[in-house]
Protein backbone atom coordinates (compact mmCIF):
# COMPACT_ATOMS: atom_id res chain seq x y z
CA UNK A 1 0.36 -25.52 -36.19
CA UNK A 2 0.22 -25.92 -32.44
CA UNK A 3 -0.91 -24.27 -29.24
CA UNK A 4 1.23 -23.73 -26.16
CA UNK A 5 0.70 -21.64 -23.06
CA UNK A 6 2.67 -20.70 -19.96
CA UNK A 7 1.52 -19.16 -16.68
CA UNK A 8 3.78 -17.17 -14.34
CA UNK A 9 2.18 -17.38 -10.89
CA UNK A 10 3.33 -16.51 -7.38
CA UNK A 11 3.51 -20.22 -6.52
CA UNK A 12 5.32 -21.27 -9.67
CA UNK A 13 4.88 -21.80 -13.41
CA UNK A 14 2.44 -23.95 -15.38
CA UNK A 15 3.28 -24.96 -18.96
CA UNK A 16 1.20 -26.87 -21.51
CA UNK A 17 1.64 -27.71 -25.19
CA UNK A 18 0.01 -29.93 -27.76
CA UNK A 19 1.99 -32.12 -30.17
CA UNK A 20 0.24 -31.85 -33.53
CA UNK A 21 2.16 -31.02 -36.68
CA UNK A 22 0.11 -30.35 -39.79
CA UNK A 23 1.66 -30.24 -43.26
CA UNK A 24 -1.62 -30.73 -45.10
CA UNK A 25 -4.55 -33.10 -44.62
CA UNK A 26 -2.43 -36.09 -45.65
CA UNK A 27 0.51 -35.26 -43.37
CA UNK A 28 -0.65 -34.95 -39.78
CA UNK A 29 1.67 -36.29 -37.11
CA UNK A 30 2.82 -35.72 -33.53
CA UNK A 31 6.07 -34.18 -32.34
CA UNK A 32 7.03 -33.07 -28.88
CA UNK A 33 6.89 -29.26 -28.50
CA UNK A 34 8.10 -29.07 -24.89
CA UNK A 35 11.80 -29.35 -24.01
CA UNK A 36 13.27 -29.41 -20.50
CA UNK A 37 16.82 -28.50 -19.46
CA UNK A 38 17.89 -28.85 -15.83
CA UNK A 39 20.86 -28.66 -13.53
CA UNK A 40 19.40 -30.21 -10.36
CA UNK A 41 18.94 -27.65 -7.58
CA UNK A 42 20.76 -25.00 -9.65
CA UNK A 43 18.53 -24.05 -12.60
CA UNK A 44 15.63 -25.19 -14.71
CA UNK A 45 14.63 -24.07 -18.20
CA UNK A 46 11.58 -25.20 -20.18
CA UNK A 47 11.08 -24.26 -23.82
CA UNK A 48 7.76 -24.50 -25.68
CA UNK A 49 7.80 -24.23 -29.48
CA UNK A 50 5.34 -23.37 -32.24
CA UNK A 51 5.64 -22.85 -35.99
CA UNK A 52 7.98 -24.39 -38.54
CA UNK A 53 9.06 -27.78 -37.21
CA UNK A 54 12.34 -27.71 -39.13
CA UNK A 55 13.24 -24.36 -37.58
CA UNK A 56 12.29 -25.28 -34.03
CA UNK A 57 13.99 -28.69 -34.16
CA UNK A 58 17.19 -27.17 -35.54
CA UNK A 59 17.13 -24.46 -32.88
CA UNK A 60 16.70 -26.96 -30.04
CA UNK A 61 19.45 -29.16 -31.55
CA UNK A 62 21.87 -26.21 -31.64
CA UNK A 63 21.08 -25.32 -28.04
CA UNK A 64 21.67 -28.94 -26.99
CA UNK A 65 24.98 -29.11 -28.88
CA UNK A 66 26.14 -25.95 -27.13
CA UNK A 67 25.26 -27.46 -23.75
CA UNK A 68 27.21 -30.66 -24.52
CA UNK A 69 30.27 -28.85 -25.89
CA UNK A 70 33.24 -29.54 -23.54
CA UNK A 71 34.34 -25.95 -24.08
CA UNK A 72 30.93 -24.45 -23.31
CA UNK A 73 30.92 -21.06 -21.61
CA UNK A 74 28.40 -18.67 -20.10
CA UNK A 75 28.16 -17.05 -23.53
CA UNK A 76 27.35 -20.27 -25.40
CA UNK A 77 25.38 -22.59 -23.08
CA UNK A 78 21.98 -21.78 -21.64
CA UNK A 79 22.84 -23.95 -18.62
CA UNK A 80 25.82 -21.72 -17.81
CA UNK A 81 24.29 -18.32 -18.60
CA UNK A 82 24.37 -15.85 -15.69
CA UNK A 83 20.68 -14.96 -15.89
CA UNK A 84 17.37 -15.96 -17.49
CA UNK A 85 17.51 -12.73 -19.48
CA UNK A 86 20.77 -13.93 -21.02
CA UNK A 87 19.14 -17.29 -21.72
CA UNK A 88 16.32 -15.55 -23.62
CA UNK A 89 18.85 -13.52 -25.61
CA UNK A 90 20.81 -16.66 -26.53
CA UNK A 91 17.71 -18.59 -27.59
CA UNK A 92 16.42 -15.63 -29.59
CA UNK A 93 19.74 -15.26 -31.40
CA UNK A 94 19.84 -18.99 -32.17
CA UNK A 95 16.26 -18.99 -33.47
CA UNK A 96 16.96 -16.03 -35.75
CA UNK A 97 20.20 -17.58 -37.01
CA UNK A 98 18.43 -20.81 -37.95
CA UNK A 99 15.59 -18.94 -39.67
CA UNK A 100 17.96 -16.72 -41.62
CA UNK A 101 20.02 -19.68 -42.84
CA UNK A 102 16.99 -21.66 -43.97
CA UNK A 103 15.38 -18.70 -45.68
CA UNK A 104 18.61 -17.92 -47.50
CA UNK A 105 19.04 -21.50 -48.74
CA UNK A 106 15.47 -21.69 -49.97
CA UNK A 107 15.55 -18.16 -51.45
CA UNK A 108 12.36 -17.15 -49.66
CA UNK A 109 11.15 -13.79 -48.48
CA UNK A 110 11.28 -14.70 -44.80
CA UNK A 111 7.89 -16.39 -44.53
CA UNK A 112 9.22 -19.96 -44.55
CA UNK A 113 10.78 -20.08 -41.12
CA UNK A 114 8.04 -18.62 -38.94
CA UNK A 115 8.53 -19.99 -35.44
CA UNK A 116 8.13 -18.73 -31.89
CA UNK A 117 8.96 -19.99 -28.42
CA UNK A 118 8.05 -19.60 -24.77
CA UNK A 119 11.04 -19.81 -22.43
CA UNK A 120 10.38 -20.28 -18.71
CA UNK A 121 12.73 -20.98 -15.85
CA UNK A 122 14.59 -20.01 -12.74
CA UNK A 123 18.16 -20.20 -11.46
CA UNK A 124 19.05 -20.53 -7.81
CA UNK A 125 19.07 -17.12 -6.16
CA UNK A 126 17.07 -15.57 -8.98
CA UNK A 127 13.38 -15.02 -9.65
CA UNK A 128 11.13 -17.00 -11.94
CA UNK A 129 10.97 -15.48 -15.42
CA UNK A 130 9.05 -16.27 -18.59
CA UNK A 131 9.63 -14.90 -22.11
CA UNK A 132 7.89 -15.07 -25.47
CA UNK A 133 10.49 -15.14 -28.25
CA UNK A 134 9.33 -13.93 -31.65
CA UNK A 135 10.51 -15.31 -35.03
CA UNK A 136 12.90 -12.36 -35.39
CA UNK A 137 14.63 -13.29 -32.13
CA UNK A 138 13.32 -10.37 -30.05
CA UNK A 139 11.17 -11.10 -27.02
CA UNK A 140 8.79 -9.85 -24.36
CA UNK A 141 8.49 -10.93 -20.72
CA UNK A 142 5.47 -12.02 -18.67
CA UNK A 143 4.62 -9.57 -15.88
CA UNK A 144 2.17 -9.22 -13.00
CA UNK A 145 -0.16 -7.37 -15.36
CA UNK A 146 0.11 -10.11 -17.99
CA UNK A 147 1.01 -13.33 -16.15
CA UNK A 148 0.55 -15.67 -19.11
CA UNK A 149 2.04 -16.09 -22.58
CA UNK A 150 0.70 -18.01 -25.59
CA UNK A 151 2.09 -19.13 -28.95
CA UNK A 152 0.50 -20.80 -31.96
CA UNK A 153 -3.29 -20.97 -32.25
CA UNK A 154 -3.91 -18.90 -29.15
CA UNK A 155 -7.13 -17.03 -29.84
CA UNK A 156 -9.58 -19.77 -28.85
CA UNK A 157 -7.96 -20.39 -25.48
CA UNK A 158 -7.33 -16.78 -24.49
CA UNK A 159 -10.74 -15.73 -23.08
CA UNK A 160 -10.63 -18.07 -20.07
CA UNK A 161 -7.06 -16.99 -19.26
CA UNK A 162 -8.07 -13.33 -19.41
CA UNK A 163 -10.90 -13.94 -16.97
CA UNK A 164 -9.24 -16.38 -14.56
CA UNK A 165 -5.46 -16.06 -14.38
CA UNK A 166 -3.87 -13.68 -11.91
CA UNK A 167 -0.45 -13.87 -10.19
CA UNK A 168 -2.18 -15.08 -7.02
CA UNK A 169 -3.91 -17.95 -8.87
CA UNK A 170 -2.89 -21.26 -7.28
CA UNK A 171 -0.93 -23.87 -9.20
CA UNK A 172 -3.95 -26.20 -9.03
CA UNK A 173 -6.24 -23.58 -10.55
CA UNK A 174 -3.53 -22.69 -13.04
CA UNK A 175 -3.51 -26.28 -14.27
CA UNK A 176 -7.28 -26.18 -14.69
CA UNK A 177 -7.05 -22.90 -16.57
CA UNK A 178 -4.45 -24.07 -19.11
CA UNK A 179 -6.20 -27.42 -19.63
CA UNK A 180 -9.57 -25.75 -20.26
CA UNK A 181 -7.84 -23.21 -22.49
CA UNK A 182 -6.43 -26.11 -24.48
CA UNK A 183 -9.82 -27.88 -24.51
CA UNK A 184 -11.41 -24.80 -26.08
CA UNK A 185 -8.69 -24.74 -28.71
CA UNK A 186 -9.00 -28.46 -29.48
CA UNK A 187 -12.72 -28.03 -30.07
CA UNK A 188 -12.29 -25.10 -32.45
CA UNK A 189 -9.10 -25.82 -34.41
CA UNK A 190 -8.15 -29.10 -36.09
CA UNK A 191 -4.50 -28.05 -36.40
CA UNK A 192 -4.13 -28.53 -32.62
CA UNK A 193 -4.28 -32.07 -31.26
CA UNK A 194 -3.49 -34.65 -28.61
CA UNK A 195 -1.42 -35.82 -26.87
CA UNK A 196 -0.62 -32.91 -24.53
CA UNK A 197 2.47 -32.25 -22.41
CA UNK A 198 2.01 -30.59 -19.01
CA UNK A 199 4.82 -29.36 -16.75
CA UNK A 200 4.78 -27.64 -13.36
CA UNK A 201 7.73 -25.71 -11.89
CA UNK A 202 7.27 -24.81 -8.24
CA UNK A 203 8.83 -21.53 -7.11
CA UNK A 204 12.45 -21.89 -5.95
CA UNK A 205 12.50 -25.65 -6.67
CA UNK A 206 14.92 -25.13 -9.60
CA UNK A 207 13.57 -28.29 -11.22
CA UNK A 208 10.45 -29.49 -12.98
CA UNK A 209 8.21 -30.54 -10.12
CA UNK A 210 5.62 -32.46 -12.15
CA UNK A 211 5.23 -33.67 -15.72
CA UNK A 212 2.37 -35.47 -17.39
CA UNK A 213 1.63 -36.70 -20.91
CA UNK A 214 -2.13 -36.55 -21.54
CA UNK A 215 -3.13 -38.96 -24.28
CA UNK A 216 -6.27 -38.92 -26.40
CA UNK A 217 -9.08 -40.50 -24.43
CA UNK A 218 -7.59 -39.62 -21.04
CA UNK A 219 -10.44 -40.11 -18.54
CA UNK A 220 -9.48 -37.17 -16.30
CA UNK A 221 -9.18 -34.73 -19.20
CA UNK A 222 -12.45 -35.90 -20.73
CA UNK A 223 -14.25 -35.48 -17.39
CA UNK A 224 -12.86 -31.95 -17.03
CA UNK A 225 -13.95 -31.07 -20.57
CA UNK A 226 -17.46 -32.40 -20.02
CA UNK A 227 -17.80 -30.61 -16.68
CA UNK A 228 -16.71 -27.33 -18.28
CA UNK A 229 -19.20 -27.74 -21.12
CA UNK A 230 -21.99 -28.45 -18.64
CA UNK A 231 -21.03 -25.42 -16.53
CA UNK A 232 -21.06 -23.17 -19.61
CA UNK A 233 -24.46 -24.44 -20.70
CA UNK A 234 -25.88 -23.93 -17.22
CA UNK A 235 -24.41 -20.45 -16.98
CA UNK A 236 -25.78 -19.56 -20.41
CA UNK A 237 -29.33 -20.52 -19.45
CA UNK A 238 -29.14 -18.26 -16.40
CA UNK A 239 -28.24 -15.13 -18.37
CA UNK A 240 -31.18 -12.73 -18.63
CA UNK A 241 -31.80 -11.37 -22.11
CA UNK A 242 -31.50 -7.60 -22.45
CA UNK A 243 -34.88 -5.85 -22.71
């Protein structure tokens, strides 16, 4: 399993994913779950993945092949599509096609290829948009009312996002929010693990403005985790018990 989260803020977008893949206690490994596609100063697209690794890898490979095709068109390449909505439709269709083919070959009932994705990006002249694509290929979009999306093991990291994240949240605070959301998940679920991939897309930059790989034992991440734990303990002691 995995955990990935994306924030859609007024200042830009913050994206974070872990890298753990778990196929049983004897088969735990790391695979990148964040994929970046850019045309400098024209468009940027970041995809976060969760679920069946074979499905997500095949989907990303098909999208990359379509981009590299010399005869690529606006209907086949996400880097030529006229809008981010079209990009989401293309990725959703590709994800569903891969799932359907794998399920058919393995004669399953559709449970084998469970996978989902977060797609975030912007093209020059357009607005920032972020979508959550379901295993069936349909999707929903982040809005001002719900400015964050999660996939994978999301329940442990959701409470802090519900309390903290608003469209007006700064990019700096957004980074803290997703990192502490991930920290909560790491503490509560062994199927999510280091290293982590962090990406920042500033509004109208049409490129990934900042990327960072956070390895196990990272001093900055450990200090943030310890400070958050201390703040929670202090806050807990200050709560007055109901009479």
